Amino acid sequence: MWYEELVRKVRSGGIRGFALYTYDRGKEETAIYGQAQIVPTPRPLSRNHRFDIASLTKVIATGPAVMKLYETGRLSLEDKVGRFLKEFVGRRNRDLTIRQLLNHSTGLTPWYPLYLLEEKERLPFLANLKPDFKPGTATRYSCLNYIILERIIERLTGSFKDFVTDQIFSPLGMEKTGFGPIEKNLAVTTEVGDHHERKMVQPYLKKKFHWRDYPITGEVHDGNSFYAFGGISGNAGIFSTIDDLVIFIRTYLDFDLPLKRETILMMEQPFNERGLGWIVKEDGTIFHAGFTGCGIWINRRERWAIVFLTNLIHPRVIPGLGDRVRQEVIRTFLSARS
């Protein structure tokens, strides 16, 4: 089996567990291996366990929701943020467009701990945040872009959570996909406490903050999503199973999402290797990752796809491990199919 090295990593303790699905020109393979958690006590991983898929939220929820609003004429990709969010009117970033938010060409900093601000201060802060380059001239990944998109969807529909469920997940039959919190026995555990977040926030922290110090299970790991937005955000917050994400990538592969074919193709048009959410490679592969260790790859041209779910940040975050493991997954898969 081509993923034997992943199994060895589980046995040696380098990976706690993983759920893997591959599709290659009609051939399907699924592997579930290892533990859903090891701290405080081990729990075997099953295909029914729900993973915190972190930034995969951007491409399976937020991006498709925006494009659904585009299809129904409720927004244009060239619309400016100030049209939808009054907090941006008259401020520095009022002219950022929906397209620039989707393809990460706003120039906004990759991250900021918005939860250190009062709720009423967050959107005005984003509206005045100085971009690091002229919007629309380059790309750089930023969670803030998708946090702003979620606020726009919320204003237009009344509920981001309900809109995504009703318009994307339910039509596809993704019944085990949605925002947390979820029951602990259904969830894969991520980090034990907010240690990584605490290190990131030190330059910004001016007063005592109450952090989580327990194994994070059934709650979103991402700090902004959890502390600022109650687990419902455009950058992170979705929990899902391997089987539900298989539904998503197979329907995406075959243009069977609740979106038009031309809309899906539009999402894959690259600007500096960035589509409307996805990373787009020259060979036609689209890809996105999540901080918890997850990854999705789809190549419609060559008819293959991968879903890789894991809890690499359990019980602690090891910087760079996610990228290394995902690179090994795709490299080994492509080598095996050649």
C-alpha atoms as a PDB file:
ATOM      1  CA  MET A   1       0.000   0.000   0.000  1.00  0.00           C
ATOM      2  CA  TRP A   2       1.352   3.385  -1.010  1.00  0.00           C
ATOM      3  CA  TYR A   3       0.514   5.015   2.345  1.00  0.00           C
ATOM      4  CA  GLU A   4       2.573   2.505   4.347  1.00  0.00           C
ATOM      5  CA  GLU A   5       4.896   5.271   5.557  1.00  0.00           C
ATOM      6  CA  LEU A   6       1.912   6.998   7.215  1.00  0.00           C
ATOM      7  CA  VAL A   7       1.097   3.790   9.056  1.00  0.00           C
ATOM      8  CA  ARG A   8       4.711   3.563  10.224  1.00  0.00           C
ATOM      9  CA  LYS A   9       4.498   7.116  11.526  1.00  0.00           C
ATOM     10  CA  VAL A  10       1.417   6.196  13.565  1.00  0.00           C
ATOM     11  CA  ARG A  11       3.168   3.157  15.001  1.00  0.00           C
ATOM     12  CA  SER A  12       6.217   5.234  15.925  1.00  0.00           C
ATOM     13  CA  GLY A  13       4.149   8.005  17.494  1.00  0.00           C
ATOM     14  CA  GLY A  14       4.836  10.652  14.843  1.00  0.00           C
ATOM     15  CA  ILE A  15       1.150  10.766  13.890  1.00  0.00           C
ATOM     16  CA  ARG A  16      -1.715   9.955  16.265  1.00  0.00           C
ATOM     17  CA  GLY A  17      -4.116   8.833  13.573  1.00  0.00           C
ATOM     18  CA  PHE A  18      -5.409   9.571  10.089  1.00  0.00           C
ATOM     19  CA  ALA A  19      -8.346   9.052   7.760  1.00  0.00           C
ATOM     20  CA  LEU A  20      -7.370   8.875   4.103  1.00  0.00           C
ATOM     21  CA  TYR A  21      -9.390   8.587   0.902  1.00  0.00           C
ATOM     22  CA  THR A  22      -8.048   8.422  -2.630  1.00  0.00           C
ATOM     23  CA  TYR A  23      -9.829   8.355  -5.963  1.00  0.00           C
ATOM     24  CA  ASP A  24      -7.851   7.557  -9.081  1.00  0.00           C
ATOM     25  CA  ARG A  25      -9.574   7.047 -12.434  1.00  0.00           C
ATOM     26  CA  GLY A  26     -12.470   5.136 -10.928  1.00  0.00           C
ATOM     27  CA  LYS A  27     -10.538   3.280  -8.231  1.00  0.00           C
ATOM     28  CA  GLU A  28     -11.359   4.227  -4.636  1.00  0.00           C
ATOM     29  CA  GLU A  29      -9.443   3.450  -1.459  1.00  0.00           C
ATOM     30  CA  THR A  30     -10.120   4.414   2.160  1.00  0.00           C
ATOM     31  CA  ALA A  31      -7.845   3.889   5.160  1.00  0.00           C
ATOM     32  CA  ILE A  32      -8.555   4.678   8.818  1.00  0.00           C
ATOM     33  CA  TYR A  33      -5.682   4.172  11.222  1.00  0.00           C
ATOM     34  CA  GLY A  34      -4.582   5.120  14.723  1.00  0.00           C
ATOM     35  CA  GLN A  35      -6.154   7.103  17.553  1.00  0.00           C
ATOM     36  CA  ALA A  36      -8.702   9.914  17.777  1.00  0.00           C
ATOM     37  CA  GLN A  37      -6.804  11.025  20.876  1.00  0.00           C
ATOM     38  CA  ILE A  38      -4.082   9.821  23.232  1.00  0.00           C
ATOM     39  CA  VAL A  39      -4.528  12.421  26.011  1.00  0.00           C
ATOM     40  CA  PRO A  40      -5.986  12.016  28.554  1.00  0.00           C
ATOM     41  CA  THR A  41      -6.837   8.452  27.468  1.00  0.00           C
ATOM     42  CA  PRO A  42      -6.519   6.723  24.078  1.00  0.00           C
ATOM     43  CA  ARG A  43      -9.594   6.506  21.822  1.00  0.00           C
ATOM     44  CA  PRO A  44      -9.409   4.492  18.592  1.00  0.00           C
ATOM     45  CA  LEU A  45     -10.184   6.458  15.433  1.00  0.00           C
ATOM     46  CA  SER A  46     -13.195   5.414  13.342  1.00  0.00           C
ATOM     47  CA  ARG A  47     -14.663   6.639  10.064  1.00  0.00           C
ATOM     48  CA  ASN A  48     -17.496   8.285  12.002  1.00  0.00           C
ATOM     49  CA  HIS A  49     -15.204  10.587  13.948  1.00  0.00           C
ATOM     50  CA  ARG A  50     -15.459  14.259  13.047  1.00  0.00           C
ATOM     51  CA  PHE A  51     -12.282  16.224  12.478  1.00  0.00           C
ATOM     52  CA  ASP A  52     -11.753  19.914  13.063  1.00  0.00           C
ATOM     53  CA  ILE A  53     -10.855  20.712   9.451  1.00  0.00           C
ATOM     54  CA  ALA A  54      -9.630  24.238  10.264  1.00  0.00           C
ATOM     55  CA  SER A  55      -8.988  26.290   7.109  1.00  0.00           C
ATOM     56  CA  LEU A  56     -10.657  23.733   4.849  1.00  0.00           C
ATOM     57  CA  THR A  57     -13.696  25.675   6.062  1.00  0.00           C
ATOM     58  CA  LYS A  58     -12.677  28.325   3.522  1.00  0.00           C
ATOM     59  CA  VAL A  59     -13.110  26.064   0.483  1.00  0.00           C
ATOM     60  CA  ILE A  60     -15.960  23.767   1.512  1.00  0.00           C
ATOM     61  CA  ALA A  61     -18.133  26.386   3.241  1.00  0.00           C
ATOM     62  CA  THR A  62     -17.248  30.071   2.909  1.00  0.00           C
ATOM     63  CA  GLY A  63     -16.126  30.105  -0.721  1.00  0.00           C
ATOM     64  CA  PRO A  64     -19.071  28.058  -2.035  1.00  0.00           C
ATOM     65  CA  ALA A  65     -21.481  30.195   0.020  1.00  0.00           C
ATOM     66  CA  VAL A  66     -20.110  33.383  -1.547  1.00  0.00           C
ATOM     67  CA  MET A  67     -20.400  31.870  -5.021  1.00  0.00           C
ATOM     68  CA  LYS A  68     -23.980  30.821  -4.307  1.00  0.00           C
ATOM     69  CA  LEU A  69     -24.768  34.455  -3.522  1.00  0.00           C
ATOM     70  CA  TYR A  70     -22.975  35.418  -6.733  1.00  0.00           C
ATOM     71  CA  GLU A  71     -25.104  33.007  -8.775  1.00  0.00           C
ATOM     72  CA  THR A  72     -28.323  34.387  -7.336  1.00  0.00           C
ATOM     73  CA  GLY A  73     -27.298  37.971  -8.053  1.00  0.00           C
ATOM     74  CA  ARG A  74     -26.995  39.081  -4.450  1.00  0.00           C
ATOM     75  CA  LEU A  75     -23.398  40.123  -4.920  1.00  0.00           C
ATOM     76  CA  SER A  76     -20.806  40.607  -7.649  1.00  0.00           C
ATOM     77  CA  LEU A  77     -17.172  39.611  -7.367  1.00  0.00           C
ATOM     78  CA  GLU A  78     -16.263  43.229  -8.071  1.00  0.00           C
ATOM     79  CA  ASP A  79     -18.547  44.581  -5.342  1.00  0.00           C
ATOM     80  CA  LYS A  80     -16.742  46.529  -2.649  1.00  0.00           C
ATOM     81  CA  VAL A  81     -16.892  45.582   1.008  1.00  0.00           C
ATOM     82  CA  GLY A  82     -18.371  48.949   1.906  1.00  0.00           C
ATOM     83  CA  ARG A  83     -21.543  48.001   0.021  1.00  0.00           C
ATOM     84  CA  PHE A  84     -22.319  45.301   2.590  1.00  0.00           C
ATOM     85  CA  LEU A  85     -20.588  46.315   5.815  1.00  0.00           C
ATOM     86  CA  LYS A  86     -21.345  49.803   7.099  1.00  0.00           C
ATOM     87  CA  GLU A  87     -18.304  49.577   9.359  1.00  0.00           C
ATOM     88  CA  PHE A  88     -16.113  49.859   6.239  1.00  0.00           C
ATOM     89  CA  VAL A  89     -17.818  52.948   4.798  1.00  0.00           C
ATOM     90  CA  GLY A  90     -15.427  55.899   4.728  1.00  0.00           C
ATOM     91  CA  ARG A  91     -12.524  53.806   5.995  1.00  0.00           C
ATOM     92  CA  ARG A  92      -9.233  52.698   4.434  1.00  0.00           C
ATOM     93  CA  ASN A  93     -10.397  49.263   3.209  1.00  0.00           C
ATOM     94  CA  ARG A  94     -13.849  50.242   1.945  1.00  0.00           C
ATOM     95  CA  ASP A  95     -12.847  49.466  -1.666  1.00  0.00           C
ATOM     96  CA  LEU A  96     -11.578  45.917  -1.116  1.00  0.00           C
ATOM     97  CA  THR A  97     -13.560  43.654  -3.438  1.00  0.00           C
ATOM     98  CA  ILE A  98     -15.189  40.269  -2.955  1.00  0.00           C
ATOM     99  CA  ARG A  99     -12.754  38.837  -5.501  1.00  0.00           C
ATOM    100  CA  GLN A 100      -9.743  40.188  -3.613  1.00  0.00           C
ATOM    101  CA  LEU A 101     -11.011  38.650  -0.384  1.00  0.00           C
ATOM    102  CA  LEU A 102     -11.592  35.286  -2.066  1.00  0.00           C
ATOM    103  CA  ASN A 103      -8.201  35.088  -3.786  1.00  0.00           C
ATOM    104  CA  HIS A 104      -6.186  36.595  -0.934  1.00  0.00           C
ATOM    105  CA  SER A 105      -5.052  39.671  -2.853  1.00  0.00           C
ATOM    106  CA  THR A 106      -6.127  42.272  -0.256  1.00  0.00           C
ATOM    107  CA  GLY A 107      -2.683  42.769   1.255  1.00  0.00           C
ATOM    108  CA  LEU A 108      -4.073  42.283   4.769  1.00  0.00           C
ATOM    109  CA  THR A 109      -1.805  40.708   7.372  1.00  0.00           C
ATOM    110  CA  PRO A 110      -2.136  36.892   7.542  1.00  0.00           C
ATOM    111  CA  TRP A 111      -3.446  36.912  11.120  1.00  0.00           C
ATOM    112  CA  TYR A 112      -4.463  39.103  14.013  1.00  0.00           C
ATOM    113  CA  PRO A 113      -5.987  38.082  17.394  1.00  0.00           C
ATOM    114  CA  LEU A 114      -9.339  39.813  16.933  1.00  0.00           C
ATOM    115  CA  TYR A 115     -10.603  38.305  20.178  1.00  0.00           C
ATOM    116  CA  LEU A 116      -8.442  40.772  22.098  1.00  0.00           C
ATOM    117  CA  LEU A 117     -10.735  43.522  20.787  1.00  0.00           C
ATOM    118  CA  GLU A 118     -14.285  44.189  21.926  1.00  0.00           C
ATOM    119  CA  GLU A 119     -16.911  42.863  19.509  1.00  0.00           C
ATOM    120  CA  LYS A 120     -17.891  46.349  18.327  1.00  0.00           C
ATOM    121  CA  GLU A 121     -14.230  47.170  17.606  1.00  0.00           C
ATOM    122  CA  ARG A 122     -13.422  44.233  15.309  1.00  0.00           C
ATOM    123  CA  LEU A 123     -14.905  45.284  11.979  1.00  0.00           C
ATOM    124  CA  PRO A 124     -13.766  48.933  12.319  1.00  0.00           C
ATOM    125  CA  PHE A 125     -10.279  47.598  13.089  1.00  0.00           C
ATOM    126  CA  LEU A 126     -10.302  45.459   9.923  1.00  0.00           C
ATOM    127  CA  ALA A 127     -11.699  48.378   7.946  1.00  0.00           C
ATOM    128  CA  ASN A 128      -8.739  50.574   8.911  1.00  0.00           C
ATOM    129  CA  LEU A 129      -5.978  47.936   8.888  1.00  0.00           C
ATOM    130  CA  LYS A 130      -3.251  49.046   6.481  1.00  0.00           C
ATOM    131  CA  PRO A 131      -2.588  46.543   3.661  1.00  0.00           C
ATOM    132  CA  ASP A 132       1.037  45.498   3.190  1.00  0.00           C
ATOM    133  CA  PHE A 133       0.741  45.891  -0.590  1.00  0.00           C
ATOM    134  CA  LYS A 134      -1.675  47.487  -3.038  1.00  0.00           C
ATOM    135  CA  PRO A 135      -4.819  45.313  -3.146  1.00  0.00           C
ATOM    136  CA  GLY A 136      -5.175  43.329  -6.350  1.00  0.00           C
ATOM    137  CA  THR A 137      -1.475  43.409  -7.266  1.00  0.00           C
ATOM    138  CA  ALA A 138      -0.212  40.307  -5.437  1.00  0.00           C
ATOM    139  CA  THR A 139      -1.444  37.476  -3.222  1.00  0.00           C
ATOM    140  CA  ARG A 140      -0.742  36.461   0.353  1.00  0.00           C
ATOM    141  CA  TYR A 141      -2.868  34.112   2.404  1.00  0.00           C
ATOM    142  CA  SER A 142      -4.838  35.762   5.207  1.00  0.00           C
ATOM    143  CA  CYS A 143      -7.492  34.356   7.502  1.00  0.00           C
ATOM    144  CA  LEU A 144      -8.811  37.904   7.897  1.00  0.00           C
ATOM    145  CA  ASN A 145     -10.111  37.840   4.311  1.00  0.00           C
ATOM    146  CA  TYR A 146     -12.468  34.974   5.065  1.00  0.00           C
ATOM    147  CA  ILE A 147     -13.520  36.419   8.393  1.00  0.00           C
ATOM    148  CA  ILE A 148     -14.703  39.492   6.466  1.00  0.00           C
ATOM    149  CA  LEU A 149     -16.457  37.293   3.887  1.00  0.00           C
ATOM    150  CA  GLU A 150     -18.356  35.507   6.645  1.00  0.00           C
ATOM    151  CA  ARG A 151     -19.564  38.845   7.992  1.00  0.00           C
ATOM    152  CA  ILE A 152     -20.846  39.745   4.515  1.00  0.00           C
ATOM    153  CA  ILE A 153     -22.675  36.422   4.153  1.00  0.00           C
ATOM    154  CA  GLU A 154     -24.182  36.885   7.606  1.00  0.00           C
ATOM    155  CA  ARG A 155     -25.454  40.365   6.723  1.00  0.00           C
ATOM    156  CA  LEU A 156     -26.982  39.160   3.456  1.00  0.00           C
ATOM    157  CA  THR A 157     -28.593  35.942   4.701  1.00  0.00           C
ATOM    158  CA  GLY A 158     -29.124  36.418   8.422  1.00  0.00           C
ATOM    159  CA  SER A 159     -27.152  33.291   9.329  1.00  0.00           C
ATOM    160  CA  PHE A 160     -23.896  32.060   7.828  1.00  0.00           C
ATOM    161  CA  LYS A 161     -24.322  28.721   9.600  1.00  0.00           C
ATOM    162  CA  ASP A 162     -27.848  28.141   8.285  1.00  0.00           C
ATOM    163  CA  PHE A 163     -27.044  29.360   4.777  1.00  0.00           C
ATOM    164  CA  VAL A 164     -24.075  27.022   4.377  1.00  0.00           C
ATOM    165  CA  THR A 165     -26.065  24.102   5.763  1.00  0.00           C
ATOM    166  CA  ASP A 166     -29.153  24.747   3.636  1.00  0.00           C
ATOM    167  CA  GLN A 167     -27.399  25.670   0.390  1.00  0.00           C
ATOM    168  CA  ILE A 168     -24.275  23.479   0.393  1.00  0.00           C
ATOM    169  CA  PHE A 169     -24.179  20.659   2.934  1.00  0.00           C
ATOM    170  CA  SER A 170     -27.808  19.470   3.007  1.00  0.00           C
ATOM    171  CA  PRO A 171     -28.224  19.258  -0.796  1.00  0.00           C
ATOM    172  CA  LEU A 172     -25.106  17.087  -0.901  1.00  0.00           C
ATOM    173  CA  GLY A 173     -26.212  14.842   1.963  1.00  0.00           C
ATOM    174  CA  MET A 174     -23.283  15.927   4.156  1.00  0.00           C
ATOM    175  CA  GLU A 175     -25.216  15.241   7.355  1.00  0.00           C
ATOM    176  CA  LYS A 176     -22.157  14.978   9.610  1.00  0.00           C
ATOM    177  CA  THR A 177     -20.627  18.278   8.549  1.00  0.00           C
ATOM    178  CA  GLY A 178     -21.165  21.571  10.331  1.00  0.00           C
ATOM    179  CA  PHE A 179     -19.998  23.985  12.970  1.00  0.00           C
ATOM    180  CA  GLY A 180     -19.281  23.011  16.559  1.00  0.00           C
ATOM    181  CA  PRO A 181     -19.449  22.527  19.350  1.00  0.00           C
ATOM    182  CA  ILE A 182     -20.116  18.823  18.868  1.00  0.00           C
ATOM    183  CA  GLU A 183     -20.285  15.915  21.303  1.00  0.00           C
ATOM    184  CA  LYS A 184     -16.841  14.975  22.557  1.00  0.00           C
ATOM    185  CA  ASN A 185     -17.266  11.285  21.795  1.00  0.00           C
ATOM    186  CA  LEU A 186     -17.824  12.159  18.120  1.00  0.00           C
ATOM    187  CA  ALA A 187     -14.801  14.451  17.818  1.00  0.00           C
ATOM    188  CA  VAL A 188     -11.114  13.985  17.142  1.00  0.00           C
ATOM    189  CA  THR A 189      -9.056  15.796  19.779  1.00  0.00           C
ATOM    190  CA  THR A 190      -6.627  18.537  18.759  1.00  0.00           C
ATOM    191  CA  GLU A 191      -4.185  20.409  20.988  1.00  0.00           C
ATOM    192  CA  VAL A 192      -4.115  20.052  24.776  1.00  0.00           C
ATOM    193  CA  GLY A 193      -4.691  23.666  25.756  1.00  0.00           C
ATOM    194  CA  ASP A 194      -4.063  26.827  23.748  1.00  0.00           C
ATOM    195  CA  HIS A 195      -0.274  26.719  24.029  1.00  0.00           C
ATOM    196  CA  HIS A 196       0.423  27.521  20.385  1.00  0.00           C
ATOM    197  CA  GLU A 197      -2.092  30.378  20.342  1.00  0.00           C
ATOM    198  CA  ARG A 198      -0.646  31.804  23.541  1.00  0.00           C
ATOM    199  CA  LYS A 199       2.805  32.003  21.968  1.00  0.00           C
ATOM    200  CA  MET A 200       1.428  33.701  18.863  1.00  0.00           C
ATOM    201  CA  VAL A 201      -0.492  36.304  20.832  1.00  0.00           C
ATOM    202  CA  GLN A 202       2.257  37.413  23.215  1.00  0.00           C
ATOM    203  CA  PRO A 203       3.263  40.516  21.201  1.00  0.00           C
ATOM    204  CA  TYR A 204      -0.359  41.713  21.296  1.00  0.00           C
ATOM    205  CA  LEU A 205      -1.416  40.732  24.821  1.00  0.00           C
ATOM    206  CA  LYS A 206      -1.689  43.607  27.299  1.00  0.00           C
ATOM    207  CA  LYS A 207      -3.842  42.048  30.003  1.00  0.00           C
ATOM    208  CA  LYS A 208      -4.616  38.647  31.453  1.00  0.00           C
ATOM    209  CA  PHE A 209      -6.566  36.331  29.173  1.00  0.00           C
ATOM    210  CA  HIS A 210      -8.399  33.147  30.134  1.00  0.00           C
ATOM    211  CA  TRP A 211      -7.053  30.377  27.909  1.00  0.00           C
ATOM    212  CA  ARG A 212      -8.207  26.801  27.491  1.00  0.00           C
ATOM    213  CA  ASP A 213      -5.960  24.398  29.394  1.00  0.00           C
ATOM    214  CA  TYR A 214      -7.761  21.134  28.585  1.00  0.00           C
ATOM    215  CA  PRO A 215      -7.725  18.730  25.606  1.00  0.00           C
ATOM    216  CA  ILE A 216      -9.663  20.573  22.890  1.00  0.00           C
ATOM    217  CA  THR A 217     -12.352  18.144  21.787  1.00  0.00           C
ATOM    218  CA  GLY A 218     -15.499  19.127  19.911  1.00  0.00           C
ATOM    219  CA  GLU A 219     -14.536  22.813  20.025  1.00  0.00           C
ATOM    220  CA  VAL A 220     -12.783  24.582  17.169  1.00  0.00           C
ATOM    221  CA  HIS A 221      -9.051  24.895  17.754  1.00  0.00           C
ATOM    222  CA  ASP A 222      -8.626  28.219  15.935  1.00  0.00           C
ATOM    223  CA  GLY A 223      -8.428  31.110  18.397  1.00  0.00           C
ATOM    224  CA  ASN A 224     -10.280  33.745  16.390  1.00  0.00           C
ATOM    225  CA  SER A 225     -13.071  31.352  15.498  1.00  0.00           C
ATOM    226  CA  PHE A 226     -13.469  30.145  19.089  1.00  0.00           C
ATOM    227  CA  TYR A 227     -12.920  33.281  21.163  1.00  0.00           C
ATOM    228  CA  ALA A 228     -14.154  36.011  18.806  1.00  0.00           C
ATOM    229  CA  PHE A 229     -16.966  34.268  16.931  1.00  0.00           C
ATOM    230  CA  GLY A 230     -18.191  31.413  19.096  1.00  0.00           C
ATOM    231  CA  GLY A 231     -16.903  28.741  16.727  1.00  0.00           C
ATOM    232  CA  ILE A 232     -18.719  30.050  13.639  1.00  0.00           C
ATOM    233  CA  SER A 233     -16.342  31.881  11.335  1.00  0.00           C
ATOM    234  CA  GLY A 234     -15.393  32.030   7.696  1.00  0.00           C
ATOM    235  CA  ASN A 235     -11.776  31.071   8.300  1.00  0.00           C
ATOM    236  CA  ALA A 236     -12.285  27.974  10.498  1.00  0.00           C
ATOM    237  CA  GLY A 237     -14.941  26.152  12.480  1.00  0.00           C
ATOM    238  CA  ILE A 238     -16.274  23.265  10.388  1.00  0.00           C
ATOM    239  CA  PHE A 239     -16.133  19.677  11.662  1.00  0.00           C
ATOM    240  CA  SER A 240     -16.530  16.822   9.193  1.00  0.00           C
ATOM    241  CA  THR A 241     -15.971  13.116   8.596  1.00  0.00           C
ATOM    242  CA  ILE A 242     -13.954  11.387   5.928  1.00  0.00           C
ATOM    243  CA  ASP A 243     -17.143  10.127   4.249  1.00  0.00           C
ATOM    244  CA  ASP A 244     -18.753  13.571   4.077  1.00  0.00           C
ATOM    245  CA  LEU A 245     -15.650  15.122   2.570  1.00  0.00           C
ATOM    246  CA  VAL A 246     -15.532  12.300   0.038  1.00  0.00           C
ATOM    247  CA  ILE A 247     -19.023  13.380  -1.017  1.00  0.00           C
ATOM    248  CA  PHE A 248     -17.759  16.935  -1.424  1.00  0.00           C
ATOM    249  CA  ILE A 249     -14.681  16.146  -3.513  1.00  0.00           C
ATOM    250  CA  ARG A 250     -16.455  13.590  -5.720  1.00  0.00           C
ATOM    251  CA  THR A 251     -19.273  16.014  -6.489  1.00  0.00           C
ATOM    252  CA  TYR A 252     -16.723  18.779  -7.018  1.00  0.00           C
ATOM    253  CA  LEU A 253     -14.755  16.551  -9.370  1.00  0.00           C
ATOM    254  CA  ASP A 254     -17.869  15.865 -11.449  1.00  0.00           C
ATOM    255  CA  PHE A 255     -19.341  19.406 -11.331  1.00  0.00           C
ATOM    256  CA  ASP A 256     -22.219  18.149  -9.177  1.00  0.00           C
ATOM    257  CA  LEU A 257     -21.945  20.721  -6.385  1.00  0.00           C
ATOM    258  CA  PRO A 258     -24.989  22.953  -5.834  1.00  0.00           C
ATOM    259  CA  LEU A 259     -23.168  25.441  -8.085  1.00  0.00           C
ATOM    260  CA  LYS A 260     -23.103  25.845 -11.848  1.00  0.00           C
ATOM    261  CA  ARG A 261     -20.268  24.349 -13.873  1.00  0.00           C
ATOM    262  CA  GLU A 262     -19.090  27.791 -14.993  1.00  0.00           C
ATOM    263  CA  THR A 263     -19.040  28.982 -11.377  1.00  0.00           C
ATOM    264  CA  ILE A 264     -16.840  26.082 -10.291  1.00  0.00           C
ATOM    265  CA  LEU A 265     -14.451  26.711 -13.177  1.00  0.00           C
ATOM    266  CA  MET A 266     -14.333  30.392 -12.225  1.00  0.00           C
ATOM    267  CA  MET A 267     -13.201  29.395  -8.727  1.00  0.00           C
ATOM    268  CA  GLU A 268     -10.233  27.579 -10.274  1.00  0.00           C
ATOM    269  CA  GLN A 269      -8.932  30.458 -12.404  1.00  0.00           C
ATOM    270  CA  PRO A 270      -5.540  31.307 -10.889  1.00  0.00           C
ATOM    271  CA  PHE A 271      -4.090  34.671  -9.963  1.00  0.00           C
ATOM    272  CA  ASN A 272      -0.541  34.074  -8.677  1.00  0.00           C
ATOM    273  CA  GLU A 273      -1.484  30.409  -8.015  1.00  0.00           C
ATOM    274  CA  ARG A 274      -4.588  31.494  -6.090  1.00  0.00           C
ATOM    275  CA  GLY A 275      -8.070  30.704  -7.299  1.00  0.00           C
ATOM    276  CA  LEU A 276     -11.146  31.882  -5.443  1.00  0.00           C
ATOM    277  CA  GLY A 277     -10.020  30.028  -2.327  1.00  0.00           C
ATOM    278  CA  TRP A 278      -7.996  27.170  -3.775  1.00  0.00           C
ATOM    279  CA  ILE A 279      -4.294  26.977  -4.500  1.00  0.00           C
ATOM    280  CA  VAL A 280      -4.165  26.177  -8.228  1.00  0.00           C
ATOM    281  CA  LYS A 281      -1.166  24.316  -9.657  1.00  0.00           C
ATOM    282  CA  GLU A 282       0.027  24.332 -13.282  1.00  0.00           C
ATOM    283  CA  ASP A 283      -0.949  20.676 -13.748  1.00  0.00           C
ATOM    284  CA  GLY A 284      -4.566  21.483 -12.872  1.00  0.00           C
ATOM    285  CA  THR A 285      -4.425  20.286  -9.264  1.00  0.00           C
ATOM    286  CA  ILE A 286      -6.342  22.389  -6.765  1.00  0.00           C
ATOM    287  CA  PHE A 287      -5.368  22.137  -3.116  1.00  0.00           C
ATOM    288  CA  HIS A 288      -6.096  23.494   0.331  1.00  0.00           C
ATOM    289  CA  ALA A 289      -4.803  22.651   3.792  1.00  0.00           C
ATOM    290  CA  GLY A 290      -5.963  23.064   7.366  1.00  0.00           C
ATOM    291  CA  PHE A 291      -3.760  23.874  10.367  1.00  0.00           C
ATOM    292  CA  THR A 292      -4.902  20.763  12.235  1.00  0.00           C
ATOM    293  CA  GLY A 293      -3.153  18.653   9.589  1.00  0.00           C
ATOM    294  CA  CYS A 294      -5.866  18.146   6.981  1.00  0.00           C
ATOM    295  CA  GLY A 295      -5.594  18.490   3.223  1.00  0.00           C
ATOM    296  CA  ILE A 296      -7.654  18.140   0.035  1.00  0.00           C
ATOM    297  CA  TRP A 297      -6.258  17.686  -3.484  1.00  0.00           C
ATOM    298  CA  ILE A 298      -8.398  17.476  -6.645  1.00  0.00           C
ATOM    299  CA  ASN A 299      -7.218  17.029 -10.230  1.00  0.00           C
ATOM    300  CA  ARG A 300     -10.126  16.896 -12.646  1.00  0.00           C
ATOM    301  CA  ARG A 301      -7.844  16.746 -15.692  1.00  0.00           C
ATOM    302  CA  GLU A 302      -6.251  13.460 -14.599  1.00  0.00           C
ATOM    303  CA  ARG A 303      -9.276  12.235 -12.602  1.00  0.00           C
ATOM    304  CA  TRP A 304      -7.801  11.834  -9.136  1.00  0.00           C
ATOM    305  CA  ALA A 305      -8.502  13.269  -5.699  1.00  0.00           C
ATOM    306  CA  ILE A 306      -7.330  12.897  -2.093  1.00  0.00           C
ATOM    307  CA  VAL A 307      -8.848  13.665   1.284  1.00  0.00           C
ATOM    308  CA  PHE A 308      -6.365  13.483   4.155  1.00  0.00           C
ATOM    309  CA  LEU A 309      -7.626  14.067   7.694  1.00  0.00           C
ATOM    310  CA  THR A 310      -5.447  13.877  10.761  1.00  0.00           C
ATOM    311  CA  ASN A 311      -4.907  15.376  14.211  1.00  0.00           C
ATOM    312  CA  LEU A 312      -1.250  16.296  13.802  1.00  0.00           C
ATOM    313  CA  ILE A 313      -1.499  18.987  16.480  1.00  0.00           C
ATOM    314  CA  HIS A 314      -2.505  16.489  19.188  1.00  0.00           C
ATOM    315  CA  PRO A 315      -1.343  16.651  21.900  1.00  0.00           C
ATOM    316  CA  ARG A 316       0.835  19.634  20.921  1.00  0.00           C
ATOM    317  CA  VAL A 317       1.689  21.708  17.868  1.00  0.00           C
ATOM    318  CA  ILE A 318       4.969  20.830  16.152  1.00  0.00           C
ATOM    319  CA  PRO A 319       5.797  23.693  13.750  1.00  0.00           C
ATOM    320  CA  GLY A 320       6.100  22.586  10.130  1.00  0.00           C
ATOM    321  CA  LEU A 321       4.887  19.021  10.718  1.00  0.00           C
ATOM    322  CA  GLY A 322       1.649  19.493   8.781  1.00  0.00           C
ATOM    323  CA  ASP A 323       3.396  20.742   5.655  1.00  0.00           C
ATOM    324  CA  ARG A 324       5.966  17.950   5.803  1.00  0.00           C
ATOM    325  CA  VAL A 325       3.373  15.198   6.183  1.00  0.00           C
ATOM    326  CA  ARG A 326       1.087  16.593   3.461  1.00  0.00           C
ATOM    327  CA  GLN A 327       4.031  16.889   1.071  1.00  0.00           C
ATOM    328  CA  GLU A 328       4.875  13.273   1.776  1.00  0.00           C
ATOM    329  CA  VAL A 329       1.265  12.209   1.153  1.00  0.00           C
ATOM    330  CA  ILE A 330       1.011  13.859  -2.260  1.00  0.00           C
ATOM    331  CA  ARG A 331       4.536  12.898  -3.314  1.00  0.00           C
ATOM    332  CA  THR A 332       4.015   9.237  -2.410  1.00  0.00           C
ATOM    333  CA  PHE A 333       0.584   9.104  -4.050  1.00  0.00           C
ATOM    334  CA  LEU A 334       1.791  10.605  -7.319  1.00  0.00           C
ATOM    335  CA  SER A 335       4.814   8.313  -7.348  1.00  0.00           C
ATOM    336  CA  ALA A 336       2.602   5.254  -6.825  1.00  0.00           C
ATOM    337  CA  ARG A 337       0.228   6.152  -9.670  1.00  0.00           C
ATOM    338  CA  SER A 338       2.944   6.950 -12.233  1.00  0.00           C
END
